[in-house]
Amino acid sequence: MNGPPVREIPAVELKAMLDRGERFELVDVRTPAERQVARIEGARLLDQALYDELIAMDPETPIVFHCHLGTRSRAVAEHFRQQGFERLFNVRDGIDGWSVTVDPAVARY
């Protein structure tokens, strides 16, 4: 059972969603080492505990995934789509795009 396609959004759209106070899960699929270099406030690192928590949620729960450049997060979002989730977003330019277009204080690597 596949839900609707994953919606690709730029980092500036994630910022707008946050600014509007929208409710969604913000998931960082990078490694803990990458997260030490740069992070988006409010994002939770995807580990087994978070995965289990997300999978148990209502499939209507909006989830936004991000990684460094948008490739790994797209793959994870597609996995959740295969599990029946219907409101999935991928930050197509990743945290790199966040650093460039939203918050230059976030380190680029």
PDB file of N, CA and C in Angstrom:
ATOM      1  N   MET A   1       0.841  -1.184   0.000  1.00  0.00           N
ATOM      2  CA  MET A   1       0.000   0.000   0.000  1.00  0.00           C
ATOM      3  C   MET A   1       0.882   1.242   0.000  1.00  0.00           C
ATOM      4  N   ASN A   2       0.815   2.024  -1.040  1.00  0.00           N
ATOM      5  CA  ASN A   2       1.628   3.228  -1.156  1.00  0.00           C
ATOM      6  C   ASN A   2       0.758   4.462  -1.052  1.00  0.00           C
ATOM      7  N   GLY A   3       1.240   5.415  -0.259  1.00  0.00           N
ATOM      8  CA  GLY A   3       0.525   6.678  -0.148  1.00  0.00           C
ATOM      9  C   GLY A   3       0.886   7.588  -1.307  1.00  0.00           C
ATOM     10  N   PRO A   4       0.437   8.850  -1.222  1.00  0.00           N
ATOM     11  CA  PRO A   4       0.768   9.834  -2.246  1.00  0.00           C
ATOM     12  C   PRO A   4       2.281  10.028  -2.342  1.00  0.00           C
ATOM     13  N   PRO A   5       2.762  10.605  -3.438  1.00  0.00           N
ATOM     14  CA  PRO A   5       4.203  10.800  -3.576  1.00  0.00           C
ATOM     15  C   PRO A   5       4.771  11.690  -2.478  1.00  0.00           C
ATOM     16  N   VAL A   6       6.033  11.467  -2.189  1.00  0.00           N
ATOM     17  CA  VAL A   6       6.748  12.314  -1.237  1.00  0.00           C
ATOM     18  C   VAL A   6       6.842  13.712  -1.850  1.00  0.00           C
ATOM     19  N   ARG A   7       6.526  14.734  -1.062  1.00  0.00           N
ATOM     20  CA  ARG A   7       6.595  16.109  -1.563  1.00  0.00           C
ATOM     21  C   ARG A   7       8.002  16.660  -1.341  1.00  0.00           C
ATOM     22  N   GLU A   8       8.643  17.061  -2.419  1.00  0.00           N
ATOM     23  CA  GLU A   8       9.987  17.636  -2.342  1.00  0.00           C
ATOM     24  C   GLU A   8       9.865  19.127  -2.045  1.00  0.00           C
ATOM     25  N   ILE A   9      10.506  19.577  -0.970  1.00  0.00           N
ATOM     26  CA  ILE A   9      10.443  20.994  -0.614  1.00  0.00           C
ATOM     27  C   ILE A   9      11.859  21.534  -0.410  1.00  0.00           C
ATOM     28  N   PRO A  10      12.078  22.820  -0.694  1.00  0.00           N
ATOM     29  CA  PRO A  10      13.375  23.429  -0.392  1.00  0.00           C
ATOM     30  C   PRO A  10      13.445  23.791   1.093  1.00  0.00           C
ATOM     31  N   ALA A  11      14.636  24.024   1.581  1.00  0.00           N
ATOM     32  CA  ALA A  11      14.838  24.384   2.988  1.00  0.00           C
ATOM     33  C   ALA A  11      14.027  25.619   3.371  1.00  0.00           C
ATOM     34  N   VAL A  12      13.886  26.571   2.443  1.00  0.00           N
ATOM     35  CA  VAL A  12      13.110  27.778   2.771  1.00  0.00           C
ATOM     36  C   VAL A  12      11.640  27.441   3.051  1.00  0.00           C
ATOM     37  N   GLU A  13      11.107  26.408   2.426  1.00  0.00           N
ATOM     38  CA  GLU A  13       9.727  25.993   2.705  1.00  0.00           C
ATOM     39  C   GLU A  13       9.633  25.359   4.094  1.00  0.00           C
ATOM     40  N   LEU A  14      10.641  24.566   4.485  1.00  0.00           N
ATOM     41  CA  LEU A  14      10.677  24.026   5.847  1.00  0.00           C
ATOM     42  C   LEU A  14      10.667  25.181   6.846  1.00  0.00           C
ATOM     43  N   LYS A  15      11.477  26.203   6.601  1.00  0.00           N
ATOM     44  CA  LYS A  15      11.527  27.370   7.493  1.00  0.00           C
ATOM     45  C   LYS A  15      10.143  28.019   7.580  1.00  0.00           C
ATOM     46  N   ALA A  16       9.459  28.166   6.447  1.00  0.00           N
ATOM     47  CA  ALA A  16       8.119  28.759   6.435  1.00  0.00           C
ATOM     48  C   ALA A  16       7.138  27.904   7.245  1.00  0.00           C
ATOM     49  N   MET A  17       7.235  26.579   7.112  1.00  0.00           N
ATOM     50  CA  MET A  17       6.366  25.678   7.880  1.00  0.00           C
ATOM     51  C   MET A  17       6.609  25.855   9.376  1.00  0.00           C
ATOM     52  N   LEU A  18       7.881  25.954   9.758  1.00  0.00           N
ATOM     53  CA  LEU A  18       8.225  26.166  11.165  1.00  0.00           C
ATOM     54  C   LEU A  18       7.706  27.520  11.644  1.00  0.00           C
ATOM     55  N   ASP A  19       7.907  28.553  10.830  1.00  0.00           N
ATOM     56  CA  ASP A  19       7.463  29.899  11.196  1.00  0.00           C
ATOM     57  C   ASP A  19       5.942  29.975  11.360  1.00  0.00           C
ATOM     58  N   ARG A  20       5.207  29.192  10.567  1.00  0.00           N
ATOM     59  CA  ARG A  20       3.740  29.177  10.662  1.00  0.00           C
ATOM     60  C   ARG A  20       3.256  28.352  11.852  1.00  0.00           C
ATOM     61  N   GLY A  21       4.182  27.664  12.512  1.00  0.00           N
ATOM     62  CA  GLY A  21       3.797  26.845  13.660  1.00  0.00           C
ATOM     63  C   GLY A  21       3.088  25.564  13.277  1.00  0.00           C
ATOM     64  N   GLU A  22       3.318  25.094  12.040  1.00  0.00           N
ATOM     65  CA  GLU A  22       2.699  23.832  11.624  1.00  0.00           C
ATOM     66  C   GLU A  22       3.218  22.699  12.497  1.00  0.00           C
ATOM     67  N   ARG A  23       2.358  21.711  12.678  1.00  0.00           N
ATOM     68  CA  ARG A  23       2.729  20.548  13.490  1.00  0.00           C
ATOM     69  C   ARG A  23       3.181  19.418  12.565  1.00  0.00           C
ATOM     70  N   PHE A  24       4.405  18.964  12.773  1.00  0.00           N
ATOM     71  CA  PHE A  24       4.943  17.847  12.003  1.00  0.00           C
ATOM     72  C   PHE A  24       6.151  17.292  12.738  1.00  0.00           C
ATOM     73  N   GLU A  25       6.534  16.097  12.369  1.00  0.00           N
ATOM     74  CA  GLU A  25       7.751  15.491  12.906  1.00  0.00           C
ATOM     75  C   GLU A  25       8.890  15.895  11.978  1.00  0.00           C
ATOM     76  N   LEU A  26       9.977  16.434  12.541  1.00  0.00           N
ATOM     77  CA  LEU A  26      11.145  16.811  11.751  1.00  0.00           C
ATOM     78  C   LEU A  26      12.257  15.822  12.066  1.00  0.00           C
ATOM     79  N   VAL A  27      12.637  15.053  11.048  1.00  0.00           N
ATOM     80  CA  VAL A  27      13.541  13.926  11.249  1.00  0.00           C
ATOM     81  C   VAL A  27      14.833  14.115  10.458  1.00  0.00           C
ATOM     82  N   ASP A  28      15.943  14.031  11.177  1.00  0.00           N
ATOM     83  CA  ASP A  28      17.292  14.129  10.615  1.00  0.00           C
ATOM     84  C   ASP A  28      17.798  12.707  10.407  1.00  0.00           C
ATOM     85  N   VAL A  29      18.080  12.323   9.157  1.00  0.00           N
ATOM     86  CA  VAL A  29      18.496  10.943   8.890  1.00  0.00           C
ATOM     87  C   VAL A  29      20.019  10.808   8.768  1.00  0.00           C
ATOM     88  N   ARG A  30      20.750  11.873   9.117  1.00  0.00           N
ATOM     89  CA  ARG A  30      22.212  11.822   9.017  1.00  0.00           C
ATOM     90  C   ARG A  30      22.821  11.043  10.185  1.00  0.00           C
ATOM     91  N   THR A  31      24.142  10.960  10.189  1.00  0.00           N
ATOM     92  CA  THR A  31      24.852  10.256  11.259  1.00  0.00           C
ATOM     93  C   THR A  31      25.010  11.182  12.470  1.00  0.00           C
ATOM     94  N   PRO A  32      25.205  10.605  13.658  1.00  0.00           N
ATOM     95  CA  PRO A  32      25.443  11.446  14.835  1.00  0.00           C
ATOM     96  C   PRO A  32      26.650  12.382  14.641  1.00  0.00           C
ATOM     97  N   ALA A  33      27.685  11.924  13.939  1.00  0.00           N
ATOM     98  CA  ALA A  33      28.868  12.774  13.703  1.00  0.00           C
ATOM     99  C   ALA A  33      28.499  13.985  12.842  1.00  0.00           C
ATOM    100  N   GLU A  34      27.678  13.773  11.805  1.00  0.00           N
ATOM    101  CA  GLU A  34      27.240  14.889  10.968  1.00  0.00           C
ATOM    102  C   GLU A  34      26.403  15.865  11.790  1.00  0.00           C
ATOM    103  N   ARG A  35      25.586  15.325  12.669  1.00  0.00           N
ATOM    104  CA  ARG A  35      24.709  16.165  13.486  1.00  0.00           C
ATOM    105  C   ARG A  35      25.524  17.056  14.421  1.00  0.00           C
ATOM    106  N   GLN A  36      26.692  16.576  14.845  1.00  0.00           N
ATOM    107  CA  GLN A  36      27.550  17.394  15.713  1.00  0.00           C
ATOM    108  C   GLN A  36      28.095  18.606  14.963  1.00  0.00           C
ATOM    109  N   VAL A  37      28.269  18.484  13.661  1.00  0.00           N
ATOM    110  CA  VAL A  37      28.787  19.578  12.835  1.00  0.00           C
ATOM    111  C   VAL A  37      27.720  20.637  12.600  1.00  0.00           C
ATOM    112  N   ALA A  38      26.496  20.193  12.279  1.00  0.00           N
ATOM    113  CA  ALA A  38      25.429  21.122  11.915  1.00  0.00           C
ATOM    114  C   ALA A  38      24.085  20.487  12.219  1.00  0.00           C
ATOM    115  N   ARG A  39      23.151  21.311  12.719  1.00  0.00           N
ATOM    116  CA  ARG A  39      21.812  20.777  12.994  1.00  0.00           C
ATOM    117  C   ARG A  39      20.756  21.849  12.826  1.00  0.00           C
ATOM    118  N   ILE A  40      19.528  21.390  12.540  1.00  0.00           N
ATOM    119  CA  ILE A  40      18.361  22.263  12.467  1.00  0.00           C
ATOM    120  C   ILE A  40      17.631  22.115  13.793  1.00  0.00           C
ATOM    121  N   GLU A  41      17.419  23.225  14.460  1.00  0.00           N
ATOM    122  CA  GLU A  41      16.754  23.204  15.770  1.00  0.00           C
ATOM    123  C   GLU A  41      15.408  22.497  15.667  1.00  0.00           C
ATOM    124  N   GLY A  42      15.181  21.560  16.580  1.00  0.00           N
ATOM    125  CA  GLY A  42      13.910  20.837  16.603  1.00  0.00           C
ATOM    126  C   GLY A  42      13.926  19.513  15.860  1.00  0.00           C
ATOM    127  N   ALA A  43      14.947  19.294  15.040  1.00  0.00           N
ATOM    128  CA  ALA A  43      15.037  18.016  14.314  1.00  0.00           C
ATOM    129  C   ALA A  43      15.489  16.917  15.263  1.00  0.00           C
ATOM    130  N   ARG A  44      14.921  15.734  15.067  1.00  0.00           N
ATOM    131  CA  ARG A  44      15.304  14.579  15.895  1.00  0.00           C
ATOM    132  C   ARG A  44      16.067  13.591  15.025  1.00  0.00           C
ATOM    133  N   LEU A  45      17.162  13.081  15.558  1.00  0.00           N
ATOM    134  CA  LEU A  45      18.003  12.135  14.833  1.00  0.00           C
ATOM    135  C   LEU A  45      17.286  10.787  14.735  1.00  0.00           C
ATOM    136  N   LEU A  46      17.228  10.252  13.529  1.00  0.00           N
ATOM    137  CA  LEU A  46      16.556   8.969  13.323  1.00  0.00           C
ATOM    138  C   LEU A  46      17.432   7.840  13.857  1.00  0.00           C
ATOM    139  N   ASP A  47      16.975   7.249  14.948  1.00  0.00           N
ATOM    140  CA  ASP A  47      17.609   6.050  15.492  1.00  0.00           C
ATOM    141  C   ASP A  47      16.506   5.003  15.616  1.00  0.00           C
ATOM    142  N   GLN A  48      16.827   3.849  16.153  1.00  0.00           N
ATOM    143  CA  GLN A  48      15.816   2.778  16.216  1.00  0.00           C
ATOM    144  C   GLN A  48      14.619   3.187  17.057  1.00  0.00           C
ATOM    145  N   ALA A  49      14.859   3.880  18.164  1.00  0.00           N
ATOM    146  CA  ALA A  49      13.749   4.285  19.039  1.00  0.00           C
ATOM    147  C   ALA A  49      12.813   5.246  18.315  1.00  0.00           C
ATOM    148  N   LEU A  50      13.362   6.228  17.604  1.00  0.00           N
ATOM    149  CA  LEU A  50      12.523   7.178  16.874  1.00  0.00           C
ATOM    150  C   LEU A  50      11.811   6.474  15.721  1.00  0.00           C
ATOM    151  N   TYR A  51      12.516   5.581  15.039  1.00  0.00           N
ATOM    152  CA  TYR A  51      11.886   4.824  13.951  1.00  0.00           C
ATOM    153  C   TYR A  51      10.657   4.090  14.471  1.00  0.00           C
ATOM    154  N   ASP A  52      10.823   3.379  15.596  1.00  0.00           N
ATOM    155  CA  ASP A  52       9.713   2.621  16.172  1.00  0.00           C
ATOM    156  C   ASP A  52       8.556   3.549  16.541  1.00  0.00           C
ATOM    157  N   GLU A  53       8.879   4.719  17.083  1.00  0.00           N
ATOM    158  CA  GLU A  53       7.858   5.706  17.463  1.00  0.00           C
ATOM    159  C   GLU A  53       7.102   6.207  16.221  1.00  0.00           C
ATOM    160  N   LEU A  54       7.844   6.535  15.172  1.00  0.00           N
ATOM    161  CA  LEU A  54       7.221   7.047  13.948  1.00  0.00           C
ATOM    162  C   LEU A  54       6.325   5.998  13.296  1.00  0.00           C
ATOM    163  N   ILE A  55       6.823   4.770  13.184  1.00  0.00           N
ATOM    164  CA  ILE A  55       6.073   3.699  12.518  1.00  0.00           C
ATOM    165  C   ILE A  55       4.749   3.431  13.233  1.00  0.00           C
ATOM    166  N   ALA A  56       4.711   3.671  14.552  1.00  0.00           N
ATOM    167  CA  ALA A  56       3.497   3.439  15.332  1.00  0.00           C
ATOM    168  C   ALA A  56       2.494   4.595  15.210  1.00  0.00           C
ATOM    169  N   MET A  57       2.906   5.704  14.605  1.00  0.00           N
ATOM    170  CA  MET A  57       2.029   6.877  14.499  1.00  0.00           C
ATOM    171  C   MET A  57       0.956   6.693  13.431  1.00  0.00           C
ATOM    172  N   ASP A  58      -0.059   7.546  13.525  1.00  0.00           N
ATOM    173  CA  ASP A  58      -1.106   7.612  12.521  1.00  0.00           C
ATOM    174  C   ASP A  58      -0.460   7.896  11.161  1.00  0.00           C
ATOM    175  N   PRO A  59      -0.845   7.159  10.111  1.00  0.00           N
ATOM    176  CA  PRO A  59      -0.239   7.378   8.785  1.00  0.00           C
ATOM    177  C   PRO A  59      -0.529   8.764   8.196  1.00  0.00           C
ATOM    178  N   GLU A  60      -1.421   9.520   8.822  1.00  0.00           N
ATOM    179  CA  GLU A  60      -1.703  10.886   8.394  1.00  0.00           C
ATOM    180  C   GLU A  60      -0.729  11.898   9.031  1.00  0.00           C
ATOM    181  N   THR A  61       0.114  11.425   9.954  1.00  0.00           N
ATOM    182  CA  THR A  61       1.064  12.310  10.619  1.00  0.00           C
ATOM    183  C   THR A  61       2.018  12.911   9.590  1.00  0.00           C
ATOM    184  N   PRO A  62       2.124  14.242   9.527  1.00  0.00           N
ATOM    185  CA  PRO A  62       3.098  14.828   8.607  1.00  0.00           C
ATOM    186  C   PRO A  62       4.522  14.623   9.132  1.00  0.00           C
ATOM    187  N   ILE A  63       5.395  14.153   8.255  1.00  0.00           N
ATOM    188  CA  ILE A  63       6.796  13.935   8.631  1.00  0.00           C
ATOM    189  C   ILE A  63       7.673  14.590   7.572  1.00  0.00           C
ATOM    190  N   VAL A  64       8.619  15.409   8.041  1.00  0.00           N
ATOM    191  CA  VAL A  64       9.591  16.065   7.166  1.00  0.00           C
ATOM    192  C   VAL A  64      10.947  15.427   7.436  1.00  0.00           C
ATOM    193  N   PHE A  65      11.588  14.932   6.390  1.00  0.00           N
ATOM    194  CA  PHE A  65      12.904  14.298   6.514  1.00  0.00           C
ATOM    195  C   PHE A  65      13.969  15.200   5.906  1.00  0.00           C
ATOM    196  N   HIS A  66      15.138  15.231   6.552  1.00  0.00           N
ATOM    197  CA  HIS A  66      16.266  15.942   5.942  1.00  0.00           C
ATOM    198  C   HIS A  66      17.556  15.185   6.194  1.00  0.00           C
ATOM    199  N   CYS A  67      18.520  15.401   5.290  1.00  0.00           N
ATOM    200  CA  CYS A  67      19.874  14.871   5.458  1.00  0.00           C
ATOM    201  C   CYS A  67      20.830  15.977   5.053  1.00  0.00           C
ATOM    202  N   HIS A  68      21.968  15.630   4.470  1.00  0.00           N
ATOM    203  CA  HIS A  68      22.947  16.640   4.065  1.00  0.00           C
ATOM    204  C   HIS A  68      22.521  17.332   2.781  1.00  0.00           C
ATOM    205  N   LEU A  69      22.224  16.538   1.732  1.00  0.00           N
ATOM    206  CA  LEU A  69      21.901  17.110   0.415  1.00  0.00           C
ATOM    207  C   LEU A  69      20.560  16.644  -0.154  1.00  0.00           C
ATOM    208  N   GLY A  70      19.790  15.863   0.608  1.00  0.00           N
ATOM    209  CA  GLY A  70      18.457  15.465   0.170  1.00  0.00           C
ATOM    210  C   GLY A  70      18.315  14.066  -0.396  1.00  0.00           C
ATOM    211  N   THR A  71      19.416  13.342  -0.559  1.00  0.00           N
ATOM    212  CA  THR A  71      19.353  12.017  -1.179  1.00  0.00           C
ATOM    213  C   THR A  71      18.960  10.927  -0.182  1.00  0.00           C
ATOM    214  N   ARG A  72      19.663  10.858   0.933  1.00  0.00           N
ATOM    215  CA  ARG A  72      19.343   9.831   1.941  1.00  0.00           C
ATOM    216  C   ARG A  72      17.950  10.048   2.506  1.00  0.00           C
ATOM    217  N   SER A  73      17.593  11.312   2.764  1.00  0.00           N
ATOM    218  CA  SER A  73      16.272  11.590   3.339  1.00  0.00           C
ATOM    219  C   SER A  73      15.159  11.200   2.365  1.00  0.00           C
ATOM    220  N   ARG A  74      15.393  11.370   1.056  1.00  0.00           N
ATOM    221  CA  ARG A  74      14.395  10.955   0.069  1.00  0.00           C
ATOM    222  C   ARG A  74      14.173   9.445   0.162  1.00  0.00           C
ATOM    223  N   ALA A  75      15.247   8.682   0.305  1.00  0.00           N
ATOM    224  CA  ALA A  75      15.132   7.226   0.409  1.00  0.00           C
ATOM    225  C   ALA A  75      14.348   6.825   1.662  1.00  0.00           C
ATOM    226  N   VAL A  76      14.601   7.501   2.776  1.00  0.00           N
ATOM    227  CA  VAL A  76      13.883   7.190   4.019  1.00  0.00           C
ATOM    228  C   VAL A  76      12.408   7.573   3.881  1.00  0.00           C
ATOM    229  N   ALA A  77      12.136   8.728   3.280  1.00  0.00           N
ATOM    230  CA  ALA A  77      10.744   9.141   3.067  1.00  0.00           C
ATOM    231  C   ALA A  77      10.015   8.118   2.201  1.00  0.00           C
ATOM    232  N   GLU A  78      10.674   7.616   1.161  1.00  0.00           N
ATOM    233  CA  GLU A  78      10.067   6.595   0.303  1.00  0.00           C
ATOM    234  C   GLU A  78       9.768   5.326   1.096  1.00  0.00           C
ATOM    235  N   HIS A  79      10.653   4.968   2.024  1.00  0.00           N
ATOM    236  CA  HIS A  79      10.409   3.801   2.873  1.00  0.00           C
ATOM    237  C   HIS A  79       9.116   4.002   3.677  1.00  0.00           C
ATOM    238  N   PHE A  80       8.958   5.185   4.254  1.00  0.00           N
ATOM    239  CA  PHE A  80       7.747   5.460   5.034  1.00  0.00           C
ATOM    240  C   PHE A  80       6.505   5.473   4.135  1.00  0.00           C
ATOM    241  N   ARG A  81       6.656   5.930   2.901  1.00  0.00           N
ATOM    242  CA  ARG A  81       5.542   5.890   1.952  1.00  0.00           C
ATOM    243  C   ARG A  81       5.122   4.440   1.706  1.00  0.00           C
ATOM    244  N   GLN A  82       6.096   3.553   1.584  1.00  0.00           N
ATOM    245  CA  GLN A  82       5.798   2.122   1.386  1.00  0.00           C
ATOM    246  C   GLN A  82       5.050   1.545   2.593  1.00  0.00           C
ATOM    247  N   GLN A  83       5.238   2.177   3.764  1.00  0.00           N
ATOM    248  CA  GLN A  83       4.563   1.711   4.983  1.00  0.00           C
ATOM    249  C   GLN A  83       3.161   2.317   5.116  1.00  0.00           C
ATOM    250  N   GLY A  84       2.755   3.118   4.123  1.00  0.00           N
ATOM    251  CA  GLY A  84       1.404   3.650   4.118  1.00  0.00           C
ATOM    252  C   GLY A  84       1.259   5.089   4.605  1.00  0.00           C
ATOM    253  N   PHE A  85       2.365   5.749   4.925  1.00  0.00           N
ATOM    254  CA  PHE A  85       2.277   7.145   5.364  1.00  0.00           C
ATOM    255  C   PHE A  85       1.909   8.036   4.183  1.00  0.00           C
ATOM    256  N   GLU A  86       1.116   9.081   4.455  1.00  0.00           N
ATOM    257  CA  GLU A  86       0.524   9.867   3.380  1.00  0.00           C
ATOM    258  C   GLU A  86       0.946  11.325   3.326  1.00  0.00           C
ATOM    259  N   ARG A  87       1.593  11.832   4.370  1.00  0.00           N
ATOM    260  CA  ARG A  87       1.964  13.260   4.389  1.00  0.00           C
ATOM    261  C   ARG A  87       3.460  13.368   4.641  1.00  0.00           C
ATOM    262  N   LEU A  88       4.230  13.041   3.606  1.00  0.00           N
ATOM    263  CA  LEU A  88       5.686  12.982   3.722  1.00  0.00           C
ATOM    264  C   LEU A  88       6.340  14.079   2.901  1.00  0.00           C
ATOM    265  N   PHE A  89       7.383  14.655   3.476  1.00  0.00           N
ATOM    266  CA  PHE A  89       8.126  15.739   2.835  1.00  0.00           C
ATOM    267  C   PHE A  89       9.612  15.425   2.888  1.00  0.00           C
ATOM    268  N   ASN A  90      10.321  15.780   1.835  1.00  0.00           N
ATOM    269  CA  ASN A  90      11.777  15.653   1.809  1.00  0.00           C
ATOM    270  C   ASN A  90      12.365  17.035   1.536  1.00  0.00           C
ATOM    271  N   VAL A  91      13.309  17.451   2.389  1.00  0.00           N
ATOM    272  CA  VAL A  91      14.004  18.720   2.157  1.00  0.00           C
ATOM    273  C   VAL A  91      15.042  18.441   1.077  1.00  0.00           C
ATOM    274  N   ARG A  92      14.709  18.842  -0.166  1.00  0.00           N
ATOM    275  CA  ARG A  92      15.493  18.417  -1.331  1.00  0.00           C
ATOM    276  C   ARG A  92      16.906  18.978  -1.364  1.00  0.00           C
ATOM    277  N   ASP A  93      17.148  20.108  -0.674  1.00  0.00           N
ATOM    278  CA  ASP A  93      18.508  20.660  -0.633  1.00  0.00           C
ATOM    279  C   ASP A  93      19.175  20.432   0.720  1.00  0.00           C
ATOM    280  N   GLY A  94      18.508  19.690   1.595  1.00  0.00           N
ATOM    281  CA  GLY A  94      19.086  19.257   2.855  1.00  0.00           C
ATOM    282  C   GLY A  94      19.559  20.383   3.762  1.00  0.00           C
ATOM    283  N   ILE A  95      20.379  19.980   4.732  1.00  0.00           N
ATOM    284  CA  ILE A  95      20.895  20.972   5.677  1.00  0.00           C
ATOM    285  C   ILE A  95      21.875  21.912   4.977  1.00  0.00           C
ATOM    286  N   ASP A  96      22.442  21.476   3.857  1.00  0.00           N
ATOM    287  CA  ASP A  96      23.305  22.366   3.084  1.00  0.00           C
ATOM    288  C   ASP A  96      22.478  23.551   2.572  1.00  0.00           C
ATOM    289  N   GLY A  97      21.296  23.263   2.053  1.00  0.00           N
ATOM    290  CA  GLY A  97      20.401  24.320   1.600  1.00  0.00           C
ATOM    291  C   GLY A  97      19.948  25.209   2.747  1.00  0.00           C
ATOM    292  N   TRP A  98      19.743  24.595   3.914  1.00  0.00           N
ATOM    293  CA  TRP A  98      19.364  25.358   5.104  1.00  0.00           C
ATOM    294  C   TRP A  98      20.460  26.375   5.431  1.00  0.00           C
ATOM    295  N   SER A  99      21.712  25.928   5.387  1.00  0.00           N
ATOM    296  CA  SER A  99      22.853  26.818   5.678  1.00  0.00           C
ATOM    297  C   SER A  99      22.933  27.967   4.684  1.00  0.00           C
ATOM    298  N   VAL A 100      22.679  27.665   3.405  1.00  0.00           N
ATOM    299  CA  VAL A 100      22.818  28.667   2.340  1.00  0.00           C
ATOM    300  C   VAL A 100      21.644  29.646   2.308  1.00  0.00           C
ATOM    301  N   THR A 101      20.403  29.123   2.453  1.00  0.00           N
ATOM    302  CA  THR A 101      19.232  29.966   2.213  1.00  0.00           C
ATOM    303  C   THR A 101      18.479  30.398   3.467  1.00  0.00           C
ATOM    304  N   VAL A 102      18.722  29.743   4.603  1.00  0.00           N
ATOM    305  CA  VAL A 102      17.922  30.044   5.805  1.00  0.00           C
ATOM    306  C   VAL A 102      18.798  30.583   6.935  1.00  0.00           C
ATOM    307  N   ASP A 103      19.825  29.816   7.320  1.00  0.00           N
ATOM    308  CA  ASP A 103      20.607  30.181   8.503  1.00  0.00           C
ATOM    309  C   ASP A 103      22.089  29.973   8.267  1.00  0.00           C
ATOM    310  N   PRO A 104      22.800  31.049   7.856  1.00  0.00           N
ATOM    311  CA  PRO A 104      24.234  30.921   7.571  1.00  0.00           C
ATOM    312  C   PRO A 104      25.078  30.585   8.802  1.00  0.00           C
ATOM    313  N   ALA A 105      24.461  30.656  10.009  1.00  0.00           N
ATOM    314  CA  ALA A 105      25.198  30.272  11.218  1.00  0.00           C
ATOM    315  C   ALA A 105      25.361  28.743  11.299  1.00  0.00           C
ATOM    316  N   VAL A 106      24.541  28.009  10.547  1.00  0.00           N
ATOM    317  CA  VAL A 106      24.666  26.551  10.526  1.00  0.00           C
ATOM    318  C   VAL A 106      25.829  26.209   9.599  1.00  0.00           C
ATOM    319  N   ALA A 107      26.787  25.473  10.133  1.00  0.00           N
ATOM    320  CA  ALA A 107      28.004  25.152   9.386  1.00  0.00           C
ATOM    321  C   ALA A 107      27.724  24.341   8.128  1.00  0.00           C
ATOM    322  N   ARG A 108      28.476  24.605   7.070  1.00  0.00           N
ATOM    323  CA  ARG A 108      28.432  23.786   5.855  1.00  0.00           C
ATOM    324  C   ARG A 108      29.589  22.809   5.911  1.00  0.00           C
ATOM    325  N   TYR A 109      29.380  21.636   5.348  1.00  0.00           N
ATOM    326  CA  TYR A 109      30.455  20.617   5.311  1.00  0.00           C
ATOM    327  C   TYR A 109      30.348  19.817   4.054  1.00  0.00           C
TER     328      TYR A 109
END
